[in-house]
Amino acid sequence: MERVGADHAVVSGITMIETPGHTPGHMSVLIEDGGQQLLVTGDALTHPSVSFEKPDWQPTTDQNPELAAKTRRTLLDRAASDGLLLVGYHLPWPGVGRAEAKDGAWRYVAEG
């Protein structure tokens, strides 16, 4: 096993993205193919309403609440501006959607 840092390309088209705060060293996985991008968020986004609409709220499960909030804002900003498809373990069925920027916050929009 090898510890990797920010924007580490595992292989062509698969990049590890640092998304710390929920847990130390938390990473998300960016998968790119044919001009499309999918981000597997892991535990960086833990609730379809709270994480998107109130990213500064601090769930008790975040080990570093301030850093987790900053990470959520950065991640959602990138997801909305780049049109990333998001896969999240805590997002409602089918667990795939997009972030839509709205009035200084974001909204989760499910795909499919």
C-alpha atoms as a PDB file:
ATOM      1  CA  MET A   1       0.000   0.000   0.000  1.00  0.00           C
ATOM      2  CA  GLU A   2       1.182   3.491  -0.815  1.00  0.00           C
ATOM      3  CA  ARG A   3      -0.056   6.710   0.747  1.00  0.00           C
ATOM      4  CA  VAL A   4      -0.978   9.304  -1.885  1.00  0.00           C
ATOM      5  CA  GLY A   5      -1.744  13.012  -1.763  1.00  0.00           C
ATOM      6  CA  ALA A   6      -3.798  15.557  -3.633  1.00  0.00           C
ATOM      7  CA  ASP A   7      -4.643  14.956  -7.259  1.00  0.00           C
ATOM      8  CA  HIS A   8      -2.749  11.672  -7.465  1.00  0.00           C
ATOM      9  CA  ALA A   9      -3.336   9.881 -10.788  1.00  0.00           C
ATOM     10  CA  VAL A  10      -3.710   6.173 -10.025  1.00  0.00           C
ATOM     11  CA  VAL A  11      -3.896   5.309 -13.715  1.00  0.00           C
ATOM     12  CA  SER A  12      -4.975   7.304 -16.737  1.00  0.00           C
ATOM     13  CA  GLY A  13      -8.522   8.521 -16.052  1.00  0.00           C
ATOM     14  CA  ILE A  14      -8.601   7.773 -12.301  1.00  0.00           C
ATOM     15  CA  THR A  15      -7.426  10.469  -9.891  1.00  0.00           C
ATOM     16  CA  MET A  16      -7.531  10.572  -6.096  1.00  0.00           C
ATOM     17  CA  ILE A  17      -8.809  13.911  -4.754  1.00  0.00           C
ATOM     18  CA  GLU A  18      -8.186  15.028  -1.168  1.00  0.00           C
ATOM     19  CA  THR A  19     -11.501  15.650   0.629  1.00  0.00           C
ATOM     20  CA  PRO A  20     -10.467  15.853   4.302  1.00  0.00           C
ATOM     21  CA  GLY A  21     -12.505  16.720   7.351  1.00  0.00           C
ATOM     22  CA  HIS A  22     -14.956  13.878   7.807  1.00  0.00           C
ATOM     23  CA  THR A  23     -11.954  11.733   8.670  1.00  0.00           C
ATOM     24  CA  PRO A  24      -8.212  12.449   8.465  1.00  0.00           C
ATOM     25  CA  GLY A  25      -6.873  11.653   5.010  1.00  0.00           C
ATOM     26  CA  HIS A  26     -10.321  11.179   3.433  1.00  0.00           C
ATOM     27  CA  MET A  27     -10.115  10.883  -0.348  1.00  0.00           C
ATOM     28  CA  SER A  28     -12.630  10.903  -3.184  1.00  0.00           C
ATOM     29  CA  VAL A  29     -12.117   9.310  -6.593  1.00  0.00           C
ATOM     30  CA  LEU A  30     -12.475  11.222  -9.874  1.00  0.00           C
ATOM     31  CA  ILE A  31     -13.077   8.999 -12.901  1.00  0.00           C
ATOM     32  CA  GLU A  32     -12.794  10.529 -16.375  1.00  0.00           C
ATOM     33  CA  ASP A  33     -13.592   8.950 -19.725  1.00  0.00           C
ATOM     34  CA  GLY A  34     -14.607  10.374 -23.072  1.00  0.00           C
ATOM     35  CA  GLY A  35     -14.943  13.908 -21.725  1.00  0.00           C
ATOM     36  CA  GLN A  36     -17.281  12.825 -18.925  1.00  0.00           C
ATOM     37  CA  GLN A  37     -16.385  12.979 -15.230  1.00  0.00           C
ATOM     38  CA  LEU A  38     -17.760  11.038 -12.287  1.00  0.00           C
ATOM     39  CA  LEU A  39     -16.754  11.763  -8.695  1.00  0.00           C
ATOM     40  CA  VAL A  40     -17.137   9.065  -6.036  1.00  0.00           C
ATOM     41  CA  THR A  41     -17.475  11.242  -2.930  1.00  0.00           C
ATOM     42  CA  GLY A  42     -17.240   8.617  -0.184  1.00  0.00           C
ATOM     43  CA  ASP A  43     -18.170  10.319   3.094  1.00  0.00           C
ATOM     44  CA  ALA A  44     -17.395  13.876   1.949  1.00  0.00           C
ATOM     45  CA  LEU A  45     -21.143  14.364   1.341  1.00  0.00           C
ATOM     46  CA  THR A  46     -23.229  12.586   3.962  1.00  0.00           C
ATOM     47  CA  HIS A  47     -26.768  13.890   3.472  1.00  0.00           C
ATOM     48  CA  PRO A  48     -28.652  14.930   0.315  1.00  0.00           C
ATOM     49  CA  SER A  49     -30.168  18.015   1.949  1.00  0.00           C
ATOM     50  CA  VAL A  50     -27.794  19.047   4.713  1.00  0.00           C
ATOM     51  CA  SER A  51     -24.491  18.544   2.855  1.00  0.00           C
ATOM     52  CA  PHE A  52     -25.765  20.447  -0.188  1.00  0.00           C
ATOM     53  CA  GLU A  53     -28.076  23.112   1.247  1.00  0.00           C
ATOM     54  CA  LYS A  54     -26.298  23.739   4.571  1.00  0.00           C
ATOM     55  CA  PRO A  55     -22.662  22.717   3.958  1.00  0.00           C
ATOM     56  CA  ASP A  56     -21.454  24.690   6.978  1.00  0.00           C
ATOM     57  CA  TRP A  57     -23.584  22.678   9.398  1.00  0.00           C
ATOM     58  CA  GLN A  58     -21.336  20.381  11.375  1.00  0.00           C
ATOM     59  CA  PRO A  59     -22.509  16.782  11.797  1.00  0.00           C
ATOM     60  CA  THR A  60     -21.175  15.060  14.906  1.00  0.00           C
ATOM     61  CA  THR A  61     -19.573  12.454  12.629  1.00  0.00           C
ATOM     62  CA  ASP A  62     -17.108  14.979  11.143  1.00  0.00           C
ATOM     63  CA  GLN A  63     -13.796  14.600  12.968  1.00  0.00           C
ATOM     64  CA  ASN A  64     -12.657  18.071  11.876  1.00  0.00           C
ATOM     65  CA  PRO A  65     -15.921  20.010  11.403  1.00  0.00           C
ATOM     66  CA  GLU A  66     -14.423  23.258  10.093  1.00  0.00           C
ATOM     67  CA  LEU A  67     -12.262  21.466   7.532  1.00  0.00           C
ATOM     68  CA  ALA A  68     -15.170  19.211   6.510  1.00  0.00           C
ATOM     69  CA  ALA A  69     -17.375  22.270   5.861  1.00  0.00           C
ATOM     70  CA  LYS A  70     -14.630  23.895   3.775  1.00  0.00           C
ATOM     71  CA  THR A  71     -14.182  20.641   1.846  1.00  0.00           C
ATOM     72  CA  ARG A  72     -17.923  20.359   1.152  1.00  0.00           C
ATOM     73  CA  ARG A  73     -18.053  23.922  -0.203  1.00  0.00           C
ATOM     74  CA  THR A  74     -14.994  23.376  -2.423  1.00  0.00           C
ATOM     75  CA  LEU A  75     -16.262  20.005  -3.646  1.00  0.00           C
ATOM     76  CA  LEU A  76     -19.790  21.254  -4.389  1.00  0.00           C
ATOM     77  CA  ASP A  77     -18.486  24.364  -6.131  1.00  0.00           C
ATOM     78  CA  ARG A  78     -16.325  22.217  -8.398  1.00  0.00           C
ATOM     79  CA  ALA A  79     -19.099  19.687  -8.976  1.00  0.00           C
ATOM     80  CA  ALA A  80     -21.591  22.384  -9.992  1.00  0.00           C
ATOM     81  CA  SER A  81     -19.208  24.419 -12.152  1.00  0.00           C
ATOM     82  CA  ASP A  82     -17.703  21.372 -13.909  1.00  0.00           C
ATOM     83  CA  GLY A  83     -20.998  19.475 -14.222  1.00  0.00           C
ATOM     84  CA  LEU A  84     -19.585  16.455 -12.400  1.00  0.00           C
ATOM     85  CA  LEU A  85     -21.732  13.387 -11.970  1.00  0.00           C
ATOM     86  CA  LEU A  86     -21.626  12.474  -8.273  1.00  0.00           C
ATOM     87  CA  VAL A  87     -21.821   9.036  -6.696  1.00  0.00           C
ATOM     88  CA  GLY A  88     -22.401   9.102  -2.964  1.00  0.00           C
ATOM     89  CA  TYR A  89     -22.952   6.268  -0.526  1.00  0.00           C
ATOM     90  CA  HIS A  90     -25.346   8.405   1.529  1.00  0.00           C
ATOM     91  CA  LEU A  91     -27.303   9.890  -1.371  1.00  0.00           C
ATOM     92  CA  PRO A  92     -30.818   8.594  -2.121  1.00  0.00           C
ATOM     93  CA  TRP A  93     -31.464   5.922  -4.731  1.00  0.00           C
ATOM     94  CA  PRO A  94     -29.938   5.605  -7.240  1.00  0.00           C
ATOM     95  CA  GLY A  95     -27.081   7.342  -5.391  1.00  0.00           C
ATOM     96  CA  VAL A  96     -26.061   9.213  -8.530  1.00  0.00           C
ATOM     97  CA  GLY A  97     -26.752  12.874  -9.228  1.00  0.00           C
ATOM     98  CA  ARG A  98     -25.398  16.358  -9.689  1.00  0.00           C
ATOM     99  CA  ALA A  99     -24.902  19.493  -7.617  1.00  0.00           C
ATOM    100  CA  GLU A 100     -26.786  22.550  -8.800  1.00  0.00           C
ATOM    101  CA  ALA A 101     -25.683  25.946  -7.451  1.00  0.00           C
ATOM    102  CA  LYS A 102     -28.561  27.960  -6.015  1.00  0.00           C
ATOM    103  CA  ASP A 103     -28.495  31.168  -3.930  1.00  0.00           C
ATOM    104  CA  GLY A 104     -25.101  30.600  -2.308  1.00  0.00           C
ATOM    105  CA  ALA A 105     -25.825  26.933  -1.606  1.00  0.00           C
ATOM    106  CA  TRP A 106     -26.372  23.817  -3.697  1.00  0.00           C
ATOM    107  CA  ARG A 107     -29.164  21.426  -4.466  1.00  0.00           C
ATOM    108  CA  TYR A 108     -28.832  17.694  -5.067  1.00  0.00           C
ATOM    109  CA  VAL A 109     -30.435  16.625  -8.344  1.00  0.00           C
ATOM    110  CA  ALA A 110     -30.752  12.850  -8.754  1.00  0.00           C
ATOM    111  CA  GLU A 111     -29.996  11.299 -12.148  1.00  0.00           C
ATOM    112  CA  GLY A 112     -32.106   8.664 -13.791  1.00  0.00           C
END
